């Protein structure tokens, strides 16, 4: 039988893209000073691509903010710079090292740089008077993120109250704020890790090379493979060896583990993730292993 009507149904990936682009445009129209939090990882890079599409042919109408722990992977920083330069975006770098020197956060020698990002981020948002901050959190990553709204309210201290969230029936968002408050916005909340990789492949998006299989000197600690580094001294009993690995997520190199993998193309990564039963954060992020509620505790204090 001959088709007489065109099929205008969108694919799942097109639907996710359209929803995210709508959120970007809604925030740009509603909030006075938005900012995009950008780590240089795969999720924030997809966010940059979505923001680029949302406002093309104009430039992205808000700056990009990175919280630099001082322990970032060089490949990630290089990719970040490539994206910022290509899009002509304004980059703001909030340095944890500078925050320690200025007394904004206190380095007691025990607290990880990852946790010290909280005070550094809140100070940067306050100094910039930003009223909305885009983040790349996804609901499939972790339990605390699973229950967070697309528009996630933060009080005047930058804190999140999971028991006091605003309803978002029919995808209608309430962005009302009191003085000193701000909103965290999560345009890719409904995406999964697999969706992210399918989108990266479809769009031909540049990502850091460490997401692909490569040779790296690593050692095992707490069930994770960590990179050999001057910031990550080997402890007694730990042995450094060269293995074929890749990273599923990137962050503070002292807490971000890699996985053994031969996946050196996007198609191979997709095949690998399709059978994975542990999320990327659960498998390779040491900062989420301190307790069952580690992520939620940090988010309550103002974390991404």
Protein backbone atom coordinates (compact mmCIF):
# COMPACT_ATOMS: atom_id res chain seq x y z
CA UNK A 1 0.00 0.00 0.00
CA UNK A 2 1.35 3.43 -0.97
CA UNK A 3 2.02 5.86 1.89
CA UNK A 4 0.02 9.07 1.45
CA UNK A 5 1.22 10.91 4.54
CA UNK A 6 4.75 11.78 5.62
CA UNK A 7 5.86 10.32 8.94
CA UNK A 8 6.69 13.27 11.17
CA UNK A 9 7.40 11.23 14.28
CA UNK A 10 10.75 12.01 15.89
CA UNK A 11 13.26 9.40 16.94
CA UNK A 12 14.01 9.05 20.66
CA UNK A 13 17.27 10.96 20.19
CA UNK A 14 15.50 13.76 18.30
CA UNK A 15 12.89 14.01 21.06
CA UNK A 16 15.58 14.28 23.73
CA UNK A 17 17.42 16.92 21.69
CA UNK A 18 14.24 18.95 21.16
CA UNK A 19 13.40 18.85 24.89
CA UNK A 20 16.91 19.99 25.84
CA UNK A 21 16.95 22.81 23.28
CA UNK A 22 13.56 23.98 24.56
CA UNK A 23 14.96 24.12 28.11
CA UNK A 24 18.00 26.14 27.00
CA UNK A 25 15.80 28.66 25.20
CA UNK A 26 13.32 28.84 28.09
CA UNK A 27 16.09 29.62 30.59
CA UNK A 28 17.74 32.21 28.32
CA UNK A 29 14.38 34.00 28.02
CA UNK A 30 13.41 33.74 31.69
CA UNK A 31 16.57 34.31 33.72
CA UNK A 32 18.64 37.46 33.84
CA UNK A 33 22.13 35.90 34.11
CA UNK A 34 22.51 32.23 33.20
CA UNK A 35 25.84 30.41 33.02
CA UNK A 36 26.80 26.98 31.67
CA UNK A 37 28.90 24.83 34.01
CA UNK A 38 31.43 23.07 31.78
CA UNK A 39 33.87 20.39 32.91
CA UNK A 40 35.11 19.24 29.50
CA UNK A 41 33.56 15.81 30.04
CA UNK A 42 31.20 14.08 27.61
CA UNK A 43 27.96 15.31 29.24
CA UNK A 44 28.97 18.96 29.40
CA UNK A 45 30.30 18.75 25.82
CA UNK A 46 26.90 17.44 24.67
CA UNK A 47 25.40 20.40 26.55
CA UNK A 48 27.65 22.76 24.59
CA UNK A 49 26.50 21.18 21.34
CA UNK A 50 22.84 21.53 22.37
CA UNK A 51 23.36 25.18 23.38
CA UNK A 52 25.11 25.80 20.06
CA UNK A 53 22.11 24.38 18.20
CA UNK A 54 19.60 26.21 20.40
CA UNK A 55 20.91 29.67 19.50
CA UNK A 56 22.52 29.15 16.08
CA UNK A 57 23.50 31.22 14.09
CA UNK A 58 24.00 33.53 17.10
CA UNK A 59 26.68 32.83 19.71
CA UNK A 60 25.78 31.15 22.99
CA UNK A 61 24.24 34.03 25.01
CA UNK A 62 25.86 33.14 28.34
CA UNK A 63 29.39 32.44 29.61
CA UNK A 64 30.90 29.04 30.36
CA UNK A 65 32.11 28.30 33.91
CA UNK A 66 34.66 25.65 34.83
CA UNK A 67 35.71 24.83 38.39
CA UNK A 68 39.38 23.85 38.10
CA UNK A 69 40.53 21.50 40.85
CA UNK A 70 44.14 21.69 39.67
CA UNK A 71 43.95 17.91 39.25
CA UNK A 72 42.19 17.81 35.89
CA UNK A 73 43.33 15.56 33.05
CA UNK A 74 45.33 17.58 30.47
CA UNK A 75 43.37 15.96 27.62
CA UNK A 76 40.15 17.29 29.13
CA UNK A 77 41.47 20.85 29.46
CA UNK A 78 42.70 20.79 25.85
CA UNK A 79 39.29 19.67 24.61
CA UNK A 80 37.61 22.36 26.73
CA UNK A 81 39.79 25.05 25.14
CA UNK A 82 39.03 23.75 21.64
CA UNK A 83 35.29 24.00 22.24
CA UNK A 84 35.44 27.45 23.82
CA UNK A 85 37.63 28.81 21.02
CA UNK A 86 35.51 27.29 18.25
CA UNK A 87 32.25 28.71 19.63
CA UNK A 88 33.75 32.04 20.71
CA UNK A 89 32.30 31.53 24.19
CA UNK A 90 33.49 33.48 27.24
CA UNK A 91 35.26 31.11 29.65
CA UNK A 92 35.32 31.76 33.39
CA UNK A 93 37.69 29.52 35.37
CA UNK A 94 37.08 29.25 39.11
CA UNK A 95 40.27 27.80 40.58
CA UNK A 96 40.20 25.70 43.74
CA UNK A 97 43.89 26.56 44.24
CA UNK A 98 43.09 30.29 44.17
CA UNK A 99 40.10 29.75 46.45
CA UNK A 100 42.40 28.08 48.99
CA UNK A 101 44.89 30.98 48.78
CA UNK A 102 42.09 33.53 49.20
CA UNK A 103 40.62 31.70 52.21
CA UNK A 104 37.33 30.93 50.46
CA UNK A 105 37.80 27.21 51.15
CA UNK A 106 40.09 25.50 53.64
CA UNK A 107 42.45 22.70 52.62
CA UNK A 108 42.92 20.60 55.74
CA UNK A 109 44.94 17.96 53.92
CA UNK A 110 42.12 15.42 54.29
CA UNK A 111 39.31 16.91 52.18
CA UNK A 112 39.46 16.06 48.47
CA UNK A 113 39.75 18.76 45.83
CA UNK A 114 36.47 17.44 44.47
CA UNK A 115 34.66 18.45 47.65
CA UNK A 116 36.51 21.78 47.77
CA UNK A 117 34.81 22.56 44.44
CA UNK A 118 31.59 23.26 46.37
CA UNK A 119 32.74 26.47 48.07
CA UNK A 120 34.69 27.49 44.97
CA UNK A 121 31.61 27.09 42.76
CA UNK A 122 29.26 28.90 45.13
CA UNK A 123 31.70 31.81 45.39
CA UNK A 124 31.98 32.03 41.58
CA UNK A 125 28.19 32.02 41.19
CA UNK A 126 27.83 34.72 43.85
CA UNK A 127 30.58 36.90 42.38
CA UNK A 128 29.05 36.63 38.92
CA UNK A 129 25.53 37.23 40.28
CA UNK A 130 24.34 34.29 38.18
CA UNK A 131 20.67 33.44 38.59
CA UNK A 132 20.72 30.11 36.72
CA UNK A 133 23.49 27.56 36.20
CA UNK A 134 23.19 24.79 33.61
CA UNK A 135 24.57 21.42 34.73
CA UNK A 136 25.07 18.14 32.91
CA UNK A 137 23.52 15.83 35.53
CA UNK A 138 21.46 12.86 34.31
CA UNK A 139 18.88 10.93 36.30
CA UNK A 140 20.35 7.54 35.39
CA UNK A 141 23.73 8.40 36.93
CA UNK A 142 23.00 8.26 40.63
CA UNK A 143 20.15 8.10 43.17
CA UNK A 144 20.32 11.76 44.27
CA UNK A 145 20.25 12.95 40.67
CA UNK A 146 17.36 10.61 39.90
CA UNK A 147 15.02 12.57 42.17
CA UNK A 148 16.17 16.06 41.19
CA UNK A 149 13.99 18.28 39.00
CA UNK A 150 15.02 19.92 35.70
CA UNK A 151 14.72 23.30 37.47
CA UNK A 152 16.46 22.63 40.78
CA UNK A 153 16.05 25.46 43.29
CA UNK A 154 18.97 26.62 45.45
CA UNK A 155 18.48 28.83 48.49
CA UNK A 156 20.50 31.94 49.35
CA UNK A 157 23.29 29.68 50.67
CA UNK A 158 23.40 27.65 47.44
CA UNK A 159 21.93 24.61 49.16
CA UNK A 160 19.44 22.06 47.80
CA UNK A 161 16.50 20.71 49.80
CA UNK A 162 15.34 17.45 48.16
CA UNK A 163 12.12 17.52 50.23
CA UNK A 164 11.15 20.97 48.96
CA UNK A 165 11.22 20.63 45.18
CA UNK A 166 8.81 22.28 42.80
CA UNK A 167 6.41 20.17 40.71
CA UNK A 168 6.99 20.09 36.96
CA UNK A 169 3.70 18.75 35.65
CA UNK A 170 3.41 18.80 31.84
CA UNK A 171 7.03 20.07 31.73
CA UNK A 172 6.00 23.48 33.05
CA UNK A 173 8.89 25.01 34.98
CA UNK A 174 8.69 27.43 37.91
CA UNK A 175 11.72 29.73 37.84
CA UNK A 176 10.65 32.26 40.48
CA UNK A 177 13.46 33.31 42.79
CA UNK A 178 13.94 35.44 45.89
CA UNK A 179 16.94 37.71 46.32
CA UNK A 180 20.19 35.74 46.57
CA UNK A 181 18.71 32.45 45.34
CA UNK A 182 19.52 30.73 42.07
CA UNK A 183 18.38 27.81 39.97
CA UNK A 184 20.37 24.82 38.74
CA UNK A 185 19.11 23.69 35.34
CA UNK A 186 19.56 20.15 34.00
CA UNK A 187 18.61 20.00 30.30
CA UNK A 188 19.81 16.41 29.82
CA UNK A 189 18.13 14.95 32.92
CA UNK A 190 16.17 12.44 30.84
CA UNK A 191 19.15 11.23 28.79
CA UNK A 192 21.03 8.02 29.59
CA UNK A 193 24.73 7.28 29.16
CA UNK A 194 23.81 5.30 26.05
CA UNK A 195 21.82 8.25 24.65
CA UNK A 196 24.85 10.50 25.18
CA UNK A 197 27.12 8.18 23.21
CA UNK A 198 24.61 7.70 20.39
CA UNK A 199 24.34 11.51 20.14
CA UNK A 200 28.12 11.99 20.17
CA UNK A 201 28.38 9.47 17.33
CA UNK A 202 25.54 11.00 15.33
CA UNK A 203 26.77 14.57 15.67
CA UNK A 204 30.49 13.79 15.25
CA UNK A 205 31.27 15.60 18.50
CA UNK A 206 34.86 16.12 19.65
CA UNK A 207 35.52 14.61 23.10
CA UNK A 208 38.70 14.05 25.15
CA UNK A 209 40.84 11.19 23.85
CA UNK A 210 40.89 9.44 27.24
CA UNK A 211 37.30 8.27 26.69
CA UNK A 212 38.75 5.86 24.12
CA UNK A 213 40.94 2.84 24.78
CA UNK A 214 44.63 3.66 25.30
CA UNK A 215 47.72 2.53 27.17
CA UNK A 216 48.11 4.06 30.65
CA UNK A 217 50.19 3.47 33.76
CA UNK A 218 47.71 2.67 36.54
CA UNK A 219 47.50 1.12 40.00
CA UNK A 220 44.63 -0.45 41.89
CA UNK A 221 43.09 1.23 44.94
CA UNK A 222 39.72 0.52 46.58
CA UNK A 223 38.69 -1.63 43.63
CA UNK A 224 39.43 1.09 41.05
CA UNK A 225 42.24 1.62 38.56
CA UNK A 226 43.74 5.07 39.19
CA UNK A 227 46.26 6.95 37.04
CA UNK A 228 49.87 7.30 38.09
CA UNK A 229 50.45 11.00 38.76
CA UNK A 230 52.46 13.40 40.90
CA UNK A 231 49.10 14.30 42.51
CA UNK A 232 48.35 10.64 43.22
CA UNK A 233 51.35 9.09 45.01
CA UNK A 234 51.42 5.31 45.17
CA UNK A 235 50.94 3.88 48.66
CA UNK A 236 52.76 0.97 50.23
CA UNK A 237 51.68 -2.31 48.63
CA UNK A 238 50.33 -0.69 45.44
CA UNK A 239 51.97 -1.62 42.13
CA UNK A 240 52.01 0.50 38.99
CA UNK A 241 51.58 -1.33 35.69
CA UNK A 242 50.65 -0.41 32.13
CA UNK A 243 47.19 -1.53 31.00
CA UNK A 244 44.79 -0.90 28.13
CA UNK A 245 42.07 1.28 29.64
CA UNK A 246 39.56 4.04 28.98
CA UNK A 247 37.58 6.45 31.14
CA UNK A 248 33.77 6.36 31.38
CA UNK A 249 33.69 9.66 33.23
CA UNK A 250 36.27 12.38 33.92
CA UNK A 251 36.92 14.54 36.96
CA UNK A 252 39.54 14.92 39.68
CA UNK A 253 42.25 12.46 38.54
CA UNK A 254 42.99 11.47 42.15
CA UNK A 255 39.45 10.08 42.51
CA UNK A 256 38.46 9.11 38.96
CA UNK A 257 39.12 5.54 37.96
CA UNK A 258 39.38 3.98 34.51
CA UNK A 259 38.19 0.61 33.25
CA UNK A 260 40.04 -2.01 31.26
CA UNK A 261 38.70 -1.79 27.72
CA UNK A 262 39.57 -2.36 24.08
CA UNK A 263 36.84 0.07 22.92
CA UNK A 264 38.70 2.52 20.71
CA UNK A 265 35.72 3.70 18.62
CA UNK A 266 32.31 5.11 19.48
CA UNK A 267 30.55 2.02 18.10
CA UNK A 268 32.64 -0.23 20.33
CA UNK A 269 31.94 2.01 23.35
CA UNK A 270 28.20 1.82 22.64
CA UNK A 271 28.39 -1.99 22.48
CA UNK A 272 30.30 -2.02 25.78
CA UNK A 273 27.87 0.29 27.60
CA UNK A 274 24.82 -1.58 26.28
CA UNK A 275 25.71 -4.58 28.46
CA UNK A 276 27.06 -2.62 31.46
CA UNK A 277 25.12 -3.02 34.69
CA UNK A 278 26.84 -0.31 36.74
CA UNK A 279 26.62 3.43 35.98
CA UNK A 280 29.78 5.33 35.15
CA UNK A 281 29.75 7.16 38.49
CA UNK A 282 29.12 4.01 40.49
CA UNK A 283 31.94 2.19 38.73
CA UNK A 284 34.72 4.79 38.62
CA UNK A 285 34.13 7.78 40.95
CA UNK A 286 35.78 7.46 44.35
CA UNK A 287 33.97 10.55 45.69
CA UNK A 288 30.64 8.67 45.39
CA UNK A 289 31.89 5.75 47.45
CA UNK A 290 32.37 7.48 50.78
CA UNK A 291 28.80 6.61 51.82
CA UNK A 292 25.45 5.55 50.36
CA UNK A 293 24.34 9.19 50.38
CA UNK A 294 27.66 10.77 49.36
CA UNK A 295 26.29 12.53 46.26
CA UNK A 296 23.11 13.73 47.99
CA UNK A 297 25.11 15.13 50.91
CA UNK A 298 27.34 17.09 48.51
CA UNK A 299 24.37 18.33 46.49
CA UNK A 300 22.68 19.61 49.65
CA UNK A 301 25.81 21.67 50.30
CA UNK A 302 25.82 23.15 46.80
CA UNK A 303 27.60 20.59 44.59
CA UNK A 304 26.78 20.25 40.85
